[in-house]
Amino acid sequence: MSGTTGHRPVDHAAAAAAFVADAPHLAFHDKRLWELRQKRDGMMHGVPEWQELRDLASAIKEHTLSRLPEYLEQFEAQALANGVQVHWARNADEHNATVLRILRQHNAKTIAKSKSMLTEECEMAPFLERHGITLTETDLGERIQQLDGQMPSHIVVPAVHKLRADVARVFARTIGGDPDNSDPHALAEHARMTTRPLMLDADAGMTGANFLVAETGAVVVCTNEGNADLSANLPRLHIVSAGVEKLIPRQADLGVFIRLLSRSALGSPITQYTSHFRGPRDGAEMHIVLVDNGRSKRLGQEDFWTSLKCIRCGACMNTCPVYRRSGGLSYGAVYSGPIGAIINPAYDPARYAALPFASTLNGSCTNVCPVRINIHDQLYKWRRLIAEGGFLPKKKVFGVRLMGVVLASPRLYRLATASARLAVRMLPRALLYCRLNAWGRDREVPAAPRESFAAWAARNRPPKT
């Protein structure tokens, strides 16, 4: 897995605490993403057949994944017939080496690239830079993150954790501009004026793929800025990086996903640009790199293979109370939020052991997923595997074992709850809100009842005769 630094276990709680401590950023992040969730709900209620679309999208994806080799071969055959050159990569290293080889064959030194989570996953940009290739992100959010030296914090809105003033300072530090001018229009125009010349002069263009259509060999890219079209069409070399799970069988299936994607992601009826690339332009070349990078392994995991249905809409992130209040960078990986918490451990369960626990298991992520991935169920199952694999911190292991002993004994449980009620009522605040009381770090401890429910029931509900 890429997009990370080092190999130490991700401390999500510590990173989240730092984000929570920044009140202005926390408030904006939470509010903005909840607005996207509310817009998504509004769109959902405006489509009477919404649940049927989700059922159909889920079924199409499951059907495709169950016959993935067949559809991959069909896609390759159609793409080749369209004049496209198709390459296969088993992992990130092979993907990066393939892209570098294509660039060197064309003596390409500069790339204009639209948003692609796969290239982030493969850590392609730093790899190419080490080999003398200059890459420019053309999506505005990705460009901001690139200039600031950060990975994207959200699948769809990569710089959503930043305020306008943050962007102004990043631009002033990297591409010029007034650090005190945080007007959105001025910032967007400055980004456009400094990025467009790099796009016009680029030796090669790169895009990701939202969907690959096996029937036609087409690559479908959905954007709201038109930058993918410019990246693909201005240079004479167009390289597409796509995960093998992006396949759908037929052109007719595409409408199902197009209706769901932007509504789920941003609460808009459709993306501004839904572009279909089926072959190279006259005098140009088009290459598609189909990447596995752990997907085949995940496809063989009975409890987790359905995570490959994901269409990268980010709806689960927009609704997740933990993600909204901890920020995407706290996950320490390219994929953050609930979907990241079930994808990342598949790559490295030791490094990402904390992420499946960054959830309340409220199920909201599953409820909004347009392809019906059972995200909260997979989070629970990853917790079990992480515990069984010995990846939990020693403190948590001790706490869980102690809790197991208490919960297994009715007598100990009654004694513990009685002691807790007494402590909440009698202990001075300085003793009650100490380092051992994790709940009290961020909230007030609820008032303790005078008696337990069991005692109340025994007194008020006489046994049946």
Protein backbone atom coordinates (compact mmCIF):
# COMPACT_ATOMS: atom_id res chain seq x y z
CA MET A 1 0.00 0.00 0.00
CA SER A 2 1.26 3.45 -0.76
CA GLY A 3 0.68 7.07 -0.05
CA THR A 4 2.24 6.62 3.39
CA THR A 5 5.58 7.36 4.98
CA GLY A 6 7.42 4.68 6.94
CA HIS A 7 6.03 1.40 8.14
CA ARG A 8 5.08 2.13 11.73
CA PRO A 9 1.51 1.34 12.78
CA VAL A 10 -0.87 4.21 12.08
CA ASP A 11 -1.93 5.93 15.31
CA HIS A 12 -5.34 7.12 14.18
CA ALA A 13 -6.38 8.25 17.65
CA ALA A 14 -3.39 10.55 18.09
CA ALA A 15 -3.75 12.05 14.61
CA ALA A 16 -7.48 12.49 15.13
CA ALA A 17 -6.88 14.22 18.46
CA ALA A 18 -4.69 16.79 16.72
CA PHE A 19 -7.42 17.43 14.16
CA VAL A 20 -10.12 17.70 16.84
CA ALA A 21 -8.03 20.25 18.71
CA ASP A 22 -8.18 22.61 15.70
CA ALA A 23 -11.70 23.94 16.23
CA PRO A 24 -12.11 26.01 13.02
CA HIS A 25 -10.98 23.18 10.74
CA LEU A 26 -12.98 20.59 12.65
CA ALA A 27 -16.18 22.64 12.45
CA PHE A 28 -15.80 23.32 8.72
CA HIS A 29 -14.89 19.73 7.88
CA ASP A 30 -17.82 18.29 9.79
CA LYS A 31 -20.29 20.83 8.39
CA ARG A 32 -19.13 20.58 4.78
CA LEU A 33 -19.24 16.80 4.61
CA TRP A 34 -22.60 16.62 6.37
CA GLU A 35 -23.92 19.04 3.75
CA LEU A 36 -22.82 16.59 1.06
CA ARG A 37 -24.62 13.80 2.91
CA GLN A 38 -27.80 15.89 3.09
CA LYS A 39 -27.57 16.76 -0.62
CA ARG A 40 -27.16 13.07 -1.38
CA ASP A 41 -30.32 12.32 0.61
CA GLY A 42 -32.21 14.99 -1.30
CA MET A 43 -31.17 13.43 -4.60
CA MET A 44 -32.07 9.97 -3.35
CA HIS A 45 -35.61 11.05 -2.47
CA GLY A 46 -35.97 12.59 -5.93
CA VAL A 47 -35.38 9.23 -7.65
CA PRO A 48 -38.26 6.85 -6.86
CA GLU A 49 -36.30 3.83 -8.11
CA TRP A 50 -33.20 4.66 -6.03
CA GLN A 51 -33.15 1.42 -4.04
CA GLU A 52 -33.73 -0.61 -7.20
CA LEU A 53 -30.76 1.18 -8.81
CA ARG A 54 -28.60 0.23 -5.82
CA ASP A 55 -29.74 -3.38 -6.08
CA LEU A 56 -28.97 -3.43 -9.78
CA ALA A 57 -25.56 -1.76 -9.41
CA SER A 58 -24.60 -4.22 -6.69
CA ALA A 59 -25.73 -7.18 -8.79
CA ILE A 60 -23.81 -5.94 -11.86
CA LYS A 61 -20.64 -5.51 -9.86
CA GLU A 62 -20.95 -8.90 -8.17
CA HIS A 63 -21.64 -10.57 -11.52
CA THR A 64 -18.58 -8.90 -13.07
CA LEU A 65 -16.28 -9.77 -10.19
CA SER A 66 -17.44 -13.39 -10.29
CA ARG A 67 -16.34 -13.55 -13.95
CA LEU A 68 -13.47 -11.09 -13.82
CA PRO A 69 -10.95 -12.99 -16.01
CA GLU A 70 -13.53 -13.40 -18.76
CA TYR A 71 -14.44 -9.71 -18.79
CA LEU A 72 -10.80 -8.62 -18.58
CA GLU A 73 -10.01 -10.63 -21.68
CA GLN A 74 -13.02 -9.20 -23.47
CA PHE A 75 -12.02 -5.66 -22.53
CA GLU A 76 -8.45 -6.21 -23.71
CA ALA A 77 -9.60 -7.64 -27.04
CA GLN A 78 -11.96 -4.71 -27.67
CA ALA A 79 -9.38 -2.11 -26.63
CA LEU A 80 -6.76 -3.64 -28.91
CA ALA A 81 -9.26 -3.64 -31.75
CA ASN A 82 -9.79 0.07 -31.07
CA GLY A 83 -6.09 0.75 -31.51
CA VAL A 84 -5.26 1.00 -27.82
CA GLN A 85 -2.14 -0.62 -26.35
CA VAL A 86 -2.96 -2.64 -23.23
CA HIS A 87 -0.49 -3.43 -20.45
CA TRP A 88 -0.85 -5.59 -17.32
CA ALA A 89 0.67 -4.90 -13.91
CA ARG A 90 0.59 -7.31 -10.99
CA ASN A 91 1.56 -4.69 -8.43
CA ALA A 92 2.53 -1.06 -7.89
CA ASP A 93 6.13 -1.60 -8.92
CA GLU A 94 5.12 -3.11 -12.26
CA HIS A 95 2.60 -0.31 -12.84
CA ASN A 96 5.20 2.39 -12.21
CA ALA A 97 7.82 0.66 -14.32
CA THR A 98 5.33 0.28 -17.18
CA VAL A 99 4.39 3.95 -17.10
CA LEU A 100 8.05 4.98 -16.99
CA ARG A 101 8.88 2.71 -19.94
CA ILE A 102 6.07 4.22 -22.04
CA LEU A 103 7.21 7.73 -21.19
CA ARG A 104 10.82 7.00 -22.07
CA GLN A 105 9.78 5.43 -25.37
CA HIS A 106 8.28 8.82 -26.24
CA ASN A 107 11.02 10.89 -24.60
CA ALA A 108 8.30 12.41 -22.41
CA LYS A 109 9.53 14.51 -19.49
CA THR A 110 6.32 16.21 -18.34
CA ILE A 111 2.86 14.81 -17.55
CA ALA A 112 -0.51 16.49 -17.06
CA LYS A 113 -2.51 14.14 -14.86
CA SER A 114 -6.14 14.10 -13.75
CA LYS A 115 -7.27 12.62 -10.44
CA SER A 116 -6.52 8.94 -9.94
CA MET A 117 -6.61 7.13 -6.61
CA LEU A 118 -4.77 4.20 -8.19
CA THR A 119 -1.70 6.26 -9.04
CA GLU A 120 -1.74 7.58 -5.46
CA GLU A 121 -2.01 3.98 -4.26
CA CYS A 122 1.03 3.05 -6.35
CA GLU A 123 3.02 6.11 -5.22
CA MET A 124 3.63 6.84 -8.87
CA ALA A 125 4.37 10.57 -8.64
CA PRO A 126 7.42 10.34 -6.35
CA PHE A 127 8.66 7.35 -8.37
CA LEU A 128 8.51 9.30 -11.63
CA GLU A 129 10.07 12.36 -10.06
CA ARG A 130 13.04 10.24 -8.97
CA HIS A 131 13.47 9.38 -12.65
CA GLY A 132 13.37 12.94 -13.90
CA ILE A 133 9.68 13.14 -14.85
CA THR A 134 7.70 16.21 -13.80
CA LEU A 135 4.04 15.50 -13.00
CA THR A 136 1.34 18.14 -12.61
CA GLU A 137 -1.97 17.32 -10.94
CA THR A 138 -4.72 19.11 -12.86
CA ASP A 139 -7.65 18.47 -10.53
CA LEU A 140 -7.84 21.57 -8.29
CA GLY A 141 -8.06 19.65 -5.01
CA GLU A 142 -5.27 17.28 -6.01
CA ARG A 143 -3.15 20.23 -7.18
CA ILE A 144 -3.55 21.88 -3.78
CA GLN A 145 -2.51 18.68 -2.04
CA GLN A 146 0.42 18.16 -4.39
CA LEU A 147 1.71 21.66 -3.77
CA ASP A 148 1.36 21.15 -0.02
CA GLY A 149 3.10 17.77 -0.09
CA GLN A 150 0.11 15.90 1.28
CA MET A 151 -1.85 12.88 0.11
CA PRO A 152 -5.56 13.41 -0.65
CA SER A 153 -7.75 13.43 2.45
CA HIS A 154 -10.95 12.41 0.62
CA ILE A 155 -11.66 10.27 -2.44
CA VAL A 156 -13.72 12.93 -4.22
CA VAL A 157 -12.77 16.25 -2.59
CA PRO A 158 -9.06 15.76 -1.84
CA ALA A 159 -8.46 19.06 -0.02
CA VAL A 160 -11.74 19.28 1.90
CA HIS A 161 -9.87 19.55 5.21
CA LYS A 162 -8.37 22.88 4.17
CA LEU A 163 -9.88 26.32 4.68
CA ARG A 164 -9.60 29.03 2.03
CA ALA A 165 -6.88 30.76 4.04
CA ASP A 166 -4.88 27.52 4.03
CA VAL A 167 -5.05 27.36 0.25
CA ALA A 168 -4.00 30.98 -0.09
CA ARG A 169 -0.91 30.30 2.02
CA VAL A 170 -0.05 27.14 0.08
CA PHE A 171 -0.30 29.02 -3.22
CA ALA A 172 1.75 31.95 -1.95
CA ARG A 173 4.46 29.57 -0.79
CA THR A 174 4.60 27.47 -3.98
CA ILE A 175 3.17 29.20 -7.06
CA GLY A 176 2.99 32.82 -5.96
CA GLY A 177 -0.04 34.87 -5.02
CA ASP A 178 -1.27 36.90 -2.08
CA PRO A 179 -1.29 34.88 1.16
CA ASP A 180 -3.98 37.19 2.52
CA ASN A 181 -6.36 36.88 -0.43
CA SER A 182 -8.60 33.89 0.28
CA ASP A 183 -11.35 34.75 -2.19
CA PRO A 184 -12.39 31.42 -3.79
CA HIS A 185 -12.72 32.88 -7.27
CA ALA A 186 -9.29 34.49 -7.08
CA LEU A 187 -7.73 31.28 -5.83
CA ALA A 188 -9.38 29.17 -8.53
CA GLU A 189 -8.33 31.62 -11.24
CA HIS A 190 -4.77 31.69 -9.96
CA ALA A 191 -4.66 27.88 -9.99
CA ARG A 192 -6.04 27.87 -13.53
CA MET A 193 -3.60 30.44 -14.85
CA THR A 194 -0.58 28.67 -13.36
CA THR A 195 -1.68 25.13 -14.24
CA ARG A 196 -3.05 25.61 -17.77
CA PRO A 197 0.36 26.39 -19.36
CA LEU A 198 1.76 23.18 -17.85
CA MET A 199 -1.11 21.26 -19.41
CA LEU A 200 -0.61 22.87 -22.81
CA ASP A 201 3.08 22.04 -22.84
CA ALA A 202 2.87 18.53 -21.33
CA ASP A 203 4.51 15.70 -23.24
CA ALA A 204 1.98 13.15 -21.97
CA GLY A 205 -1.42 13.05 -20.33
CA MET A 206 -2.65 10.62 -17.71
CA THR A 207 -6.11 9.80 -16.43
CA GLY A 208 -7.63 7.23 -14.18
CA ALA A 209 -10.87 5.46 -14.98
CA ASN A 210 -14.20 5.45 -13.22
CA PHE A 211 -15.45 2.59 -15.38
CA LEU A 212 -14.08 0.20 -18.00
CA VAL A 213 -16.68 -1.21 -20.40
CA ALA A 214 -15.81 -4.76 -21.45
CA GLU A 215 -18.23 -4.77 -24.38
CA THR A 216 -16.67 -1.76 -26.12
CA GLY A 217 -13.18 -1.41 -24.64
CA ALA A 218 -14.12 2.12 -23.54
CA VAL A 219 -12.64 4.05 -20.62
CA VAL A 220 -15.15 6.31 -18.86
CA VAL A 221 -13.90 9.21 -16.74
CA CYS A 222 -16.20 11.46 -14.69
CA THR A 223 -15.02 14.94 -13.65
CA ASN A 224 -16.45 18.32 -12.78
CA GLU A 225 -13.56 20.46 -14.04
CA GLY A 226 -12.93 19.10 -17.53
CA ASN A 227 -9.30 18.56 -16.63
CA ALA A 228 -9.36 14.89 -17.63
CA ASP A 229 -10.41 15.82 -21.16
CA LEU A 230 -7.58 18.32 -21.43
CA SER A 231 -5.06 15.89 -19.96
CA ALA A 232 -6.15 13.17 -22.39
CA ASN A 233 -6.50 15.27 -25.53
CA LEU A 234 -3.86 17.99 -25.47
CA PRO A 235 -0.73 15.77 -25.54
CA ARG A 236 -0.23 13.09 -28.18
CA LEU A 237 0.27 10.41 -25.55
CA HIS A 238 -2.61 9.36 -23.26
CA ILE A 239 -1.93 6.82 -20.49
CA VAL A 240 -4.81 5.36 -18.47
CA SER A 241 -4.16 3.70 -15.10
CA ALA A 242 -7.06 1.52 -13.96
CA GLY A 243 -7.66 -1.12 -11.33
CA VAL A 244 -9.05 -4.38 -12.69
CA GLU A 245 -12.17 -3.99 -10.53
CA LYS A 246 -13.35 -0.97 -12.56
CA LEU A 247 -14.91 -3.26 -15.18
CA ILE A 248 -18.59 -3.39 -16.04
CA PRO A 249 -19.90 -5.75 -18.74
CA ARG A 250 -21.93 -3.62 -21.14
CA GLN A 251 -22.44 -0.07 -22.30
CA ALA A 252 -26.07 -0.43 -21.22
CA ASP A 253 -24.91 -1.00 -17.63
CA LEU A 254 -23.15 2.35 -17.52
CA GLY A 255 -26.32 4.38 -17.04
CA VAL A 256 -27.02 2.68 -13.73
CA PHE A 257 -23.70 3.79 -12.27
CA ILE A 258 -23.73 7.26 -13.79
CA ARG A 259 -27.10 7.92 -12.12
CA LEU A 260 -25.73 6.80 -8.76
CA LEU A 261 -22.18 8.17 -8.77
CA SER A 262 -22.47 11.95 -8.55
CA ARG A 263 -25.72 11.84 -6.58
CA SER A 264 -23.97 9.74 -3.94
CA ALA A 265 -20.73 11.73 -4.03
CA LEU A 266 -21.75 15.37 -4.20
CA GLY A 267 -25.54 15.44 -4.25
CA SER A 268 -25.57 16.55 -7.89
CA PRO A 269 -27.55 14.77 -10.62
CA ILE A 270 -24.50 14.09 -12.79
CA THR A 271 -20.87 15.08 -13.14
CA GLN A 272 -20.20 18.03 -15.44
CA TYR A 273 -18.13 15.86 -17.78
CA THR A 274 -18.68 12.16 -18.43
CA SER A 275 -16.00 11.37 -20.99
CA HIS A 276 -15.69 8.20 -23.07
CA PHE A 277 -12.25 7.33 -24.43
CA ARG A 278 -12.37 4.43 -26.88
CA GLY A 279 -9.22 4.87 -28.91
CA PRO A 280 -6.34 7.19 -29.76
CA ARG A 281 -6.78 10.31 -31.85
CA ASP A 282 -5.19 10.45 -35.30
CA GLY A 283 -1.45 10.69 -34.85
CA ALA A 284 -1.67 9.98 -31.11
CA GLU A 285 -1.26 6.94 -28.86
CA MET A 286 -3.42 5.61 -26.05
CA HIS A 287 -2.17 3.12 -23.48
CA ILE A 288 -4.15 1.40 -20.72
CA VAL A 289 -2.37 -0.13 -17.72
CA LEU A 290 -4.59 -2.68 -15.95
CA VAL A 291 -3.46 -3.09 -12.37
CA ASP A 292 -4.06 -5.83 -9.83
CA ASN A 293 -2.02 -4.71 -6.79
CA GLY A 294 -3.70 -7.01 -4.28
CA ARG A 295 -7.15 -7.04 -5.83
CA SER A 296 -7.04 -10.69 -6.85
CA LYS A 297 -6.04 -11.63 -3.32
CA ARG A 298 -8.94 -9.64 -1.91
CA LEU A 299 -11.29 -11.22 -4.44
CA GLY A 300 -10.47 -14.56 -2.85
CA GLN A 301 -11.34 -13.38 0.67
CA GLU A 302 -14.83 -14.59 1.49
CA ASP A 303 -15.60 -11.81 3.96
CA PHE A 304 -14.01 -8.89 2.10
CA TRP A 305 -14.26 -9.42 -1.66
CA THR A 306 -17.36 -7.22 -2.00
CA SER A 307 -15.24 -4.18 -1.11
CA LEU A 308 -14.10 -4.41 -4.75
CA LYS A 309 -17.57 -3.19 -5.78
CA CYS A 310 -16.63 0.31 -4.58
CA ILE A 311 -17.11 3.04 -7.21
CA ARG A 312 -15.14 5.64 -5.19
CA CYS A 313 -18.05 7.98 -4.52
CA GLY A 314 -17.05 8.85 -0.94
CA ALA A 315 -20.63 8.67 0.38
CA CYS A 316 -19.52 6.50 3.29
CA MET A 317 -16.96 9.14 4.26
CA ASN A 318 -19.47 11.99 4.11
CA THR A 319 -21.81 10.26 6.55
CA CYS A 320 -19.26 8.75 8.96
CA PRO A 321 -19.19 10.63 12.30
CA VAL A 322 -15.64 9.45 12.99
CA TYR A 323 -14.24 10.49 9.60
CA ARG A 324 -16.01 13.84 9.67
CA ARG A 325 -14.43 14.65 13.04
CA SER A 326 -10.98 13.17 12.53
CA GLY A 327 -10.05 14.20 8.98
CA GLY A 328 -8.82 11.98 6.20
CA LEU A 329 -5.09 12.44 6.88
CA SER A 330 -5.49 10.82 10.30
CA TYR A 331 -5.96 7.45 8.55
CA GLY A 332 -2.37 7.51 7.30
CA ALA A 333 -3.26 6.05 3.89
CA VAL A 334 -4.57 7.01 0.47
CA TYR A 335 -7.97 5.50 1.24
CA SER A 336 -9.52 6.97 4.36
CA GLY A 337 -12.90 6.83 6.06
CA PRO A 338 -14.96 3.64 6.31
CA ILE A 339 -13.98 2.31 2.89
CA GLY A 340 -10.31 2.88 3.69
CA ALA A 341 -10.73 1.11 7.02
CA ILE A 342 -11.68 -2.10 5.17
CA ILE A 343 -9.33 -1.73 2.20
CA ASN A 344 -6.08 -0.76 3.95
CA PRO A 345 -5.84 -3.76 6.34
CA ALA A 346 -5.99 -6.05 3.30
CA TYR A 347 -2.61 -4.60 2.29
CA ASP A 348 -0.98 -4.46 5.72
CA PRO A 349 -3.02 -5.55 8.78
CA ALA A 350 -0.21 -4.68 11.20
CA ARG A 351 0.24 -1.12 9.94
CA TYR A 352 -3.49 -0.37 9.65
CA ALA A 353 -4.68 -2.35 12.67
CA ALA A 354 -6.23 0.73 14.29
CA LEU A 355 -8.45 1.73 11.35
CA PRO A 356 -11.30 -0.83 11.69
CA PHE A 357 -11.70 0.44 15.26
CA ALA A 358 -12.15 4.03 14.01
CA SER A 359 -15.89 3.44 13.72
CA THR A 360 -18.99 3.35 15.87
CA LEU A 361 -20.40 0.49 13.74
CA ASN A 362 -23.60 2.53 13.37
CA GLY A 363 -24.12 1.18 9.84
CA SER A 364 -24.68 4.55 8.17
CA CYS A 365 -21.83 3.84 5.73
CA THR A 366 -23.57 0.69 4.56
CA ASN A 367 -26.91 2.47 4.31
CA VAL A 368 -25.60 5.11 1.89
CA CYS A 369 -23.31 2.91 -0.23
CA PRO A 370 -24.68 2.98 -3.81
CA VAL A 371 -23.44 -0.57 -4.49
CA ARG A 372 -24.53 -1.98 -1.12
CA ILE A 373 -21.12 -2.92 0.31
CA ASN A 374 -21.66 -4.24 3.83
CA ILE A 375 -19.00 -1.87 5.19
CA HIS A 376 -19.86 -1.98 8.89
CA ASP A 377 -19.99 -5.78 8.85
CA GLN A 378 -16.54 -5.91 7.25
CA LEU A 379 -15.23 -3.47 9.86
CA TYR A 380 -16.38 -5.84 12.58
CA LYS A 381 -14.81 -8.84 10.83
CA TRP A 382 -11.51 -6.99 10.40
CA ARG A 383 -11.53 -6.28 14.13
CA ARG A 384 -11.76 -9.99 14.81
CA LEU A 385 -8.93 -10.82 12.40
CA ILE A 386 -6.71 -8.09 13.82
CA ALA A 387 -7.32 -9.33 17.36
CA GLU A 388 -6.70 -12.95 16.37
CA GLY A 389 -3.54 -11.93 14.51
CA GLY A 390 -2.07 -10.30 17.60
CA PHE A 391 -2.00 -6.80 16.11
CA LEU A 392 -3.83 -5.06 18.96
CA PRO A 393 -1.90 -2.84 21.41
CA LYS A 394 -1.10 -4.56 24.69
CA LYS A 395 -3.24 -2.11 26.67
CA LYS A 396 -6.27 -2.90 24.56
CA VAL A 397 -5.64 -6.65 24.82
CA PHE A 398 -5.45 -6.39 28.61
CA GLY A 399 -8.59 -4.24 28.75
CA VAL A 400 -10.58 -6.58 26.52
CA ARG A 401 -9.54 -9.64 28.53
CA LEU A 402 -10.43 -7.94 31.79
CA MET A 403 -13.79 -6.94 30.37
CA GLY A 404 -14.35 -10.51 29.22
CA VAL A 405 -13.75 -11.81 32.75
CA VAL A 406 -16.17 -9.27 34.23
CA LEU A 407 -18.90 -9.81 31.63
CA ALA A 408 -18.64 -13.58 31.98
CA SER A 409 -19.47 -13.44 35.69
CA PRO A 410 -22.87 -12.03 36.79
CA ARG A 411 -21.51 -11.50 40.30
CA LEU A 412 -18.45 -9.57 39.11
CA TYR A 413 -20.59 -7.59 36.67
CA ARG A 414 -23.01 -6.50 39.41
CA LEU A 415 -20.11 -5.59 41.68
CA ALA A 416 -18.39 -3.58 38.92
CA THR A 417 -21.51 -1.62 37.96
CA ALA A 418 -22.34 -0.90 41.61
CA SER A 419 -18.80 0.35 42.18
CA ALA A 420 -18.98 2.52 39.06
CA ARG A 421 -22.27 4.10 40.15
CA LEU A 422 -20.81 4.83 43.57
CA ALA A 423 -17.62 6.28 42.09
CA VAL A 424 -19.50 8.63 39.77
CA ARG A 425 -21.59 9.94 42.67
CA MET A 426 -18.92 10.15 45.37
CA LEU A 427 -15.45 10.72 43.88
CA PRO A 428 -14.09 14.26 43.57
CA ARG A 429 -13.93 15.52 39.99
CA ALA A 430 -10.12 15.57 40.01
CA LEU A 431 -10.05 11.85 40.71
CA LEU A 432 -12.93 10.94 38.41
CA TYR A 433 -11.55 12.79 35.37
CA CYS A 434 -8.11 11.26 35.35
CA ARG A 435 -5.96 9.54 32.73
CA LEU A 436 -7.78 6.25 33.27
CA ASN A 437 -11.13 7.77 32.27
CA ALA A 438 -10.91 7.92 28.47
CA TRP A 439 -14.59 8.87 28.21
CA GLY A 440 -14.04 11.97 30.33
CA ARG A 441 -11.33 13.40 28.09
CA ASP A 442 -13.84 14.84 25.62
CA ARG A 443 -17.24 14.65 27.38
CA GLU A 444 -19.03 14.64 30.69
CA VAL A 445 -19.67 11.33 32.41
CA PRO A 446 -23.46 10.70 32.55
CA ALA A 447 -25.15 10.98 35.92
CA ALA A 448 -25.23 7.61 37.66
CA PRO A 449 -28.62 6.03 38.40
CA ARG A 450 -29.42 5.18 42.01
CA GLU A 451 -29.86 1.52 41.20
CA SER A 452 -29.26 -0.93 38.39
CA PHE A 453 -31.97 -1.97 35.98
CA ALA A 454 -31.81 -5.50 37.40
CA ALA A 455 -32.49 -4.18 40.91
CA TRP A 456 -35.32 -1.98 39.65
CA ALA A 457 -36.88 -4.90 37.76
CA ALA A 458 -36.65 -7.19 40.76
CA ARG A 459 -38.45 -4.58 42.86
CA ASN A 460 -41.11 -3.59 40.31
CA ARG A 461 -41.65 -6.73 38.24
CA PRO A 462 -42.58 -9.67 40.45
CA PRO A 463 -41.62 -13.05 38.98
CA LYS A 464 -44.26 -14.85 36.97
CA THR A 465 -45.98 -17.76 38.64
